Amino acid sequence: MASCMVKVKEKACMIMHDSREICILPSESVLKLIGKRYTLLIIGLLGNEKSMHFNEVLRSVGAARSNLISQRFKELESAGLVERRIINTRPVGVEYSLTEKGLELRAQLIPLFDWIEKSSGAKPK
């Protein structure tokens, strides 16, 4: 793998990688979103389970405040990472799943998690 070098070019940050320039500015909004509390847990759960009801996610992540999980789902849906589906039951249910874009992001995160686990010396529980 070629070494990366950060440089400023016409006020835009670029990373040189394998003889090509990659603009890192668009990554800022994604990193900000995945850095928020519960986001990675939601992406992980939905990737493992394919789809889940809101209350299943709430119980699984152990969140005390449903409004925080609700906000994360809105942000993930707005970013095109999560799809919300209304289920005609009594009471009305809501089911969430990762979109194709969400599945792609999850697939890109797995090598990062592997690296973090290896470099930190942490053992999986």
Protein backbone atom coordinates (compact mmCIF):
# COMPACT_ATOMS: atom_id res chain seq x y z
CA MET A 1 0.00 0.00 0.00
CA ALA A 2 1.38 3.41 -0.93
CA SER A 3 2.00 5.94 1.77
CA CYS A 4 -0.52 8.76 2.18
CA MET A 5 0.40 12.40 2.25
CA VAL A 6 -1.94 15.23 3.17
CA LYS A 7 -1.61 18.48 1.27
CA VAL A 8 -3.66 21.60 0.73
CA LYS A 9 -4.57 22.29 -2.87
CA GLU A 10 -6.71 25.25 -3.81
CA LYS A 11 -8.06 25.38 -0.25
CA ALA A 12 -9.34 21.79 -0.45
CA CYS A 13 -7.75 19.01 1.57
CA MET A 14 -6.60 16.10 -0.51
CA ILE A 15 -4.97 12.80 0.34
CA MET A 16 -2.59 11.24 -2.13
CA HIS A 17 -3.10 7.48 -2.24
CA ASP A 18 -1.86 5.07 -4.91
CA SER A 19 -1.03 7.97 -7.24
CA ARG A 20 -4.49 9.51 -7.06
CA GLU A 21 -5.97 12.40 -5.14
CA ILE A 22 -8.89 11.77 -2.81
CA CYS A 23 -10.84 14.72 -1.44
CA ILE A 24 -11.38 14.22 2.29
CA LEU A 25 -13.87 17.04 2.85
CA PRO A 26 -17.02 14.97 2.10
CA SER A 27 -15.95 12.47 4.75
CA GLU A 28 -16.36 15.08 7.47
CA SER A 29 -20.16 14.85 7.59
CA VAL A 30 -20.12 11.03 7.57
CA LEU A 31 -17.52 10.89 10.33
CA LYS A 32 -19.50 13.41 12.37
CA LEU A 33 -22.64 11.26 12.05
CA ILE A 34 -21.00 7.92 12.84
CA GLY A 35 -19.24 9.52 15.79
CA LYS A 36 -22.54 10.33 17.46
CA ARG A 37 -23.77 8.17 20.31
CA TYR A 38 -25.59 4.98 19.22
CA THR A 39 -24.99 5.46 15.47
CA LEU A 40 -22.46 2.64 15.11
CA LEU A 41 -24.55 0.38 17.32
CA ILE A 42 -27.61 0.99 15.13
CA ILE A 43 -25.65 0.36 11.93
CA GLY A 44 -24.20 -2.82 13.43
CA LEU A 45 -27.55 -4.12 14.68
CA LEU A 46 -29.39 -3.44 11.43
CA GLY A 47 -26.58 -5.06 9.48
CA ASN A 48 -26.70 -8.16 11.67
CA GLU A 49 -30.48 -8.46 11.87
CA LYS A 50 -31.42 -7.09 8.40
CA SER A 51 -34.38 -5.17 9.88
CA MET A 52 -35.65 -4.28 13.34
CA HIS A 53 -38.56 -2.54 15.00
CA PHE A 54 -37.82 0.68 16.85
CA ASN A 55 -38.38 -0.85 20.31
CA GLU A 56 -36.10 -3.80 19.48
CA VAL A 57 -33.29 -1.38 18.69
CA LEU A 58 -34.05 0.65 21.81
CA ARG A 59 -33.81 -2.45 24.02
CA SER A 60 -30.72 -3.78 22.23
CA VAL A 61 -28.65 -0.63 22.64
CA GLY A 62 -29.83 -0.09 26.21
CA ALA A 63 -30.75 3.52 25.57
CA ALA A 64 -32.62 5.25 28.34
CA ARG A 65 -34.00 7.96 26.06
CA SER A 66 -36.06 6.92 23.06
CA ASN A 67 -35.92 10.45 21.65
CA LEU A 68 -32.15 10.10 21.18
CA ILE A 69 -32.56 6.86 19.19
CA SER A 70 -35.38 8.47 17.23
CA GLN A 71 -33.09 11.40 16.38
CA ARG A 72 -30.33 9.05 15.23
CA PHE A 73 -32.77 7.21 12.97
CA LYS A 74 -33.89 10.53 11.44
CA GLU A 75 -30.26 11.51 10.80
CA LEU A 76 -29.40 8.12 9.32
CA GLU A 77 -32.51 8.20 7.14
CA SER A 78 -31.70 11.73 5.99
CA ALA A 79 -28.17 10.59 5.07
CA GLY A 80 -29.65 7.76 3.00
CA LEU A 81 -28.18 5.06 5.24
CA VAL A 82 -31.38 3.75 6.82
CA GLU A 83 -34.82 3.05 5.41
CA ARG A 84 -37.97 3.43 7.51
CA ARG A 85 -41.01 1.29 6.79
CA ILE A 86 -44.47 1.64 8.36
CA ILE A 87 -46.15 -1.65 9.25
CA ASN A 88 -49.93 -1.75 9.33
CA THR A 89 -50.49 -3.33 12.72
CA ARG A 90 -52.33 -2.20 15.83
CA PRO A 91 -50.59 -0.17 17.12
CA VAL A 92 -48.81 0.92 13.96
CA GLY A 93 -45.26 -0.42 13.85
CA VAL A 94 -42.10 1.01 12.36
CA GLU A 95 -39.33 -1.15 10.99
CA TYR A 96 -35.85 0.02 10.06
CA SER A 97 -33.25 -1.50 7.75
CA LEU A 98 -30.00 -0.42 6.14
CA THR A 99 -30.16 0.87 2.60
CA GLU A 100 -27.64 -0.25 -0.01
CA LYS A 101 -25.58 2.81 0.91
CA GLY A 102 -25.82 1.86 4.62
CA LEU A 103 -24.70 -1.69 3.86
CA GLU A 104 -21.73 -0.31 1.89
CA LEU A 105 -20.75 1.94 4.80
CA ARG A 106 -21.01 -0.99 7.22
CA ALA A 107 -18.79 -3.09 4.96
CA GLN A 108 -16.19 -0.28 4.93
CA LEU A 109 -16.29 0.05 8.73
CA ILE A 110 -15.52 -3.62 9.42
CA PRO A 111 -11.80 -3.38 8.43
CA LEU A 112 -11.54 -0.27 10.62
CA PHE A 113 -13.00 -2.17 13.59
CA ASP A 114 -10.61 -5.05 12.92
CA TRP A 115 -7.69 -2.65 12.90
CA ILE A 116 -8.84 -0.96 16.13
CA GLU A 117 -9.24 -4.32 17.85
CA LYS A 118 -5.78 -5.49 16.73
CA SER A 119 -3.96 -2.25 17.47
CA SER A 120 -5.57 -1.75 20.88
CA GLY A 121 -4.85 -5.29 22.01
CA ALA A 122 -8.50 -5.63 23.08
CA LYS A 123 -9.99 -9.09 22.96
CA PRO A 124 -13.59 -9.57 21.74
CA LYS A 125 -16.02 -10.47 24.51
